[in-house]
Amino acid sequence: MKYIDLNEKSASELLELLKEKKVLLFTIKQKLKTMQLTNPNEIREVRRDIARINTAISAQNK
């Protein structure tokens, strides 16, 4: 997910996307603890997506 794509979305869409990514991060962490996660780099990607979404939300608020 690129920041440019997030810049075009509205605040409500960004908040919905943020909620989805946080749920996804939770499920990935659960899979990691139960040894079901095949690619541990997914955690890094989701965390970075969450950070990009938070940046886009704060940029719209300014």
Protein backbone atom coordinates (compact mmCIF):
# COMPACT_ATOMS: atom_id res chain seq x y z
CA MET A 1 0.00 0.00 0.00
CA LYS A 2 1.41 3.35 -1.04
CA TYR A 3 0.90 6.66 0.73
CA ILE A 4 -0.25 8.23 -2.55
CA ASP A 5 -3.20 5.81 -2.65
CA LEU A 6 -4.15 6.71 0.92
CA ASN A 7 -3.95 10.44 0.26
CA GLU A 8 -6.95 10.24 -2.08
CA LYS A 9 -9.27 8.56 0.46
CA SER A 10 -11.62 10.29 2.87
CA ALA A 11 -11.20 10.28 6.64
CA SER A 12 -13.97 7.73 7.19
CA GLU A 13 -12.44 5.36 4.63
CA LEU A 14 -9.06 5.70 6.31
CA LEU A 15 -10.51 4.93 9.73
CA GLU A 16 -12.27 1.85 8.38
CA LEU A 17 -9.05 0.69 6.70
CA LEU A 18 -7.13 1.28 9.94
CA LYS A 19 -9.60 -0.88 11.86
CA GLU A 20 -9.24 -3.68 9.31
CA LYS A 21 -5.44 -3.56 9.45
CA LYS A 22 -5.41 -3.67 13.25
CA VAL A 23 -7.64 -6.76 13.24
CA LEU A 24 -5.36 -8.32 10.63
CA LEU A 25 -2.31 -7.57 12.78
CA PHE A 26 -3.99 -9.21 15.76
CA THR A 27 -4.76 -12.37 13.80
CA ILE A 28 -1.24 -12.52 12.38
CA LYS A 29 0.24 -12.24 15.86
CA GLN A 30 -2.03 -15.06 17.04
CA LYS A 31 -0.86 -17.23 14.14
CA LEU A 32 2.74 -16.46 15.09
CA LYS A 33 2.19 -17.62 18.65
CA THR A 34 0.54 -20.85 17.53
CA MET A 35 3.28 -21.53 14.97
CA GLN A 36 0.89 -21.27 12.00
CA LEU A 37 2.48 -18.22 10.38
CA THR A 38 4.49 -19.11 7.29
CA ASN A 39 5.84 -15.66 6.46
CA PRO A 40 6.90 -13.57 9.48
CA ASN A 41 7.51 -10.55 7.24
CA GLU A 42 3.74 -10.06 7.09
CA ILE A 43 3.86 -8.50 10.55
CA ARG A 44 6.30 -5.84 9.35
CA GLU A 45 4.19 -5.05 6.28
CA VAL A 46 0.97 -4.67 8.25
CA ARG A 47 2.64 -2.49 10.90
CA ARG A 48 4.01 -0.23 8.18
CA ASP A 49 0.59 -0.02 6.54
CA ILE A 50 -0.89 1.03 9.88
CA ALA A 51 1.78 3.72 10.23
CA ARG A 52 1.06 5.00 6.70
CA ILE A 53 -2.66 5.18 7.43
CA ASN A 54 -2.01 7.08 10.68
CA THR A 55 0.24 9.52 8.77
CA ALA A 56 -2.47 10.11 6.16
CA ILE A 57 -5.07 10.73 8.89
CA SER A 58 -2.86 13.25 10.70
CA ALA A 59 -2.03 15.00 7.40
CA GLN A 60 -5.75 15.46 6.70
CA ASN A 61 -6.33 16.89 10.16
CA LYS A 62 -3.79 19.66 9.65
